[in-house]
Amino acid sequence: MARLIEVTPILKGDDAKRFRQKLLDVVNAMANSTPEDKRKIEEERKEMKRCYDLMVSVADDVFY
């Protein structure tokens, strides 16, 4: 039997900022690595920011 699909919560205001900061904190925690790993982490951080900004732009600034 199929289960009901729950509504996906929409993060707004301080919740969205806190969520984004926690994502960045996880990446920063891994920064104590080799130079190669640090480069990869920085690339991931830039990609994460690009994706987040894209999500915000298509969601009518709901996430800010």
Protein backbone atom coordinates (compact mmCIF):
# COMPACT_ATOMS: atom_id res chain seq x y z
CA MET A 1 0.00 0.00 0.00
CA ALA A 2 1.32 3.45 -0.85
CA ARG A 3 2.25 5.91 1.84
CA LEU A 4 1.16 9.53 1.83
CA ILE A 5 3.76 12.00 0.70
CA GLU A 6 4.48 14.63 3.31
CA VAL A 7 4.71 18.28 2.42
CA THR A 8 8.32 19.45 2.09
CA PRO A 9 9.00 22.26 4.56
CA ILE A 10 10.07 25.62 3.17
CA LEU A 11 12.85 27.30 5.07
CA LYS A 12 12.54 31.04 5.49
CA GLY A 13 14.36 33.80 7.32
CA ASP A 14 16.55 32.76 10.24
CA ASP A 15 15.84 29.05 9.68
CA ALA A 16 17.21 29.26 6.13
CA LYS A 17 20.28 31.18 7.26
CA ARG A 18 20.92 28.69 10.07
CA PHE A 19 20.55 25.76 7.66
CA ARG A 20 23.01 27.27 5.21
CA GLN A 21 25.49 28.08 7.99
CA LYS A 22 25.36 24.49 9.24
CA LEU A 23 26.15 23.27 5.73
CA LEU A 24 29.14 25.60 5.59
CA ASP A 25 30.26 24.53 9.09
CA VAL A 26 30.45 20.92 7.95
CA VAL A 27 32.69 21.91 5.07
CA ASN A 28 34.83 24.12 7.33
CA ALA A 29 35.28 21.27 9.81
CA MET A 30 37.02 19.27 7.11
CA ALA A 31 39.42 22.10 6.34
CA ASN A 32 42.22 20.54 8.41
CA SER A 33 43.32 18.42 5.48
CA THR A 34 45.98 18.23 2.80
CA PRO A 35 46.30 21.09 0.28
CA GLU A 36 44.65 18.91 -2.38
CA ASP A 37 41.71 18.18 -0.07
CA LYS A 38 41.43 21.88 0.78
CA ARG A 39 41.22 22.71 -2.94
CA LYS A 40 38.46 20.15 -3.39
CA ILE A 41 36.62 21.48 -0.34
CA GLU A 42 36.83 25.03 -1.71
CA GLU A 43 35.46 23.89 -5.06
CA GLU A 44 32.60 22.12 -3.26
CA ARG A 45 31.89 25.25 -1.22
CA LYS A 46 31.72 27.38 -4.37
CA GLU A 47 29.44 24.85 -6.06
CA MET A 48 27.22 24.67 -2.97
CA LYS A 49 26.91 28.48 -2.90
CA ARG A 50 26.17 28.57 -6.64
CA CYS A 51 23.44 25.94 -6.27
CA TYR A 52 21.99 27.67 -3.22
CA ASP A 53 21.90 31.02 -4.99
CA LEU A 54 20.24 29.39 -8.00
CA MET A 55 17.65 27.78 -5.72
CA VAL A 56 16.96 31.15 -4.12
CA SER A 57 16.58 32.85 -7.50
CA VAL A 58 14.03 30.34 -8.79
CA ALA A 59 12.17 30.24 -5.47
CA ASP A 60 11.44 33.96 -5.44
CA ASP A 61 13.90 34.66 -2.59
CA VAL A 62 12.01 32.33 -0.23
CA PHE A 63 15.25 31.05 1.26
CA TYR A 64 16.64 34.42 2.39
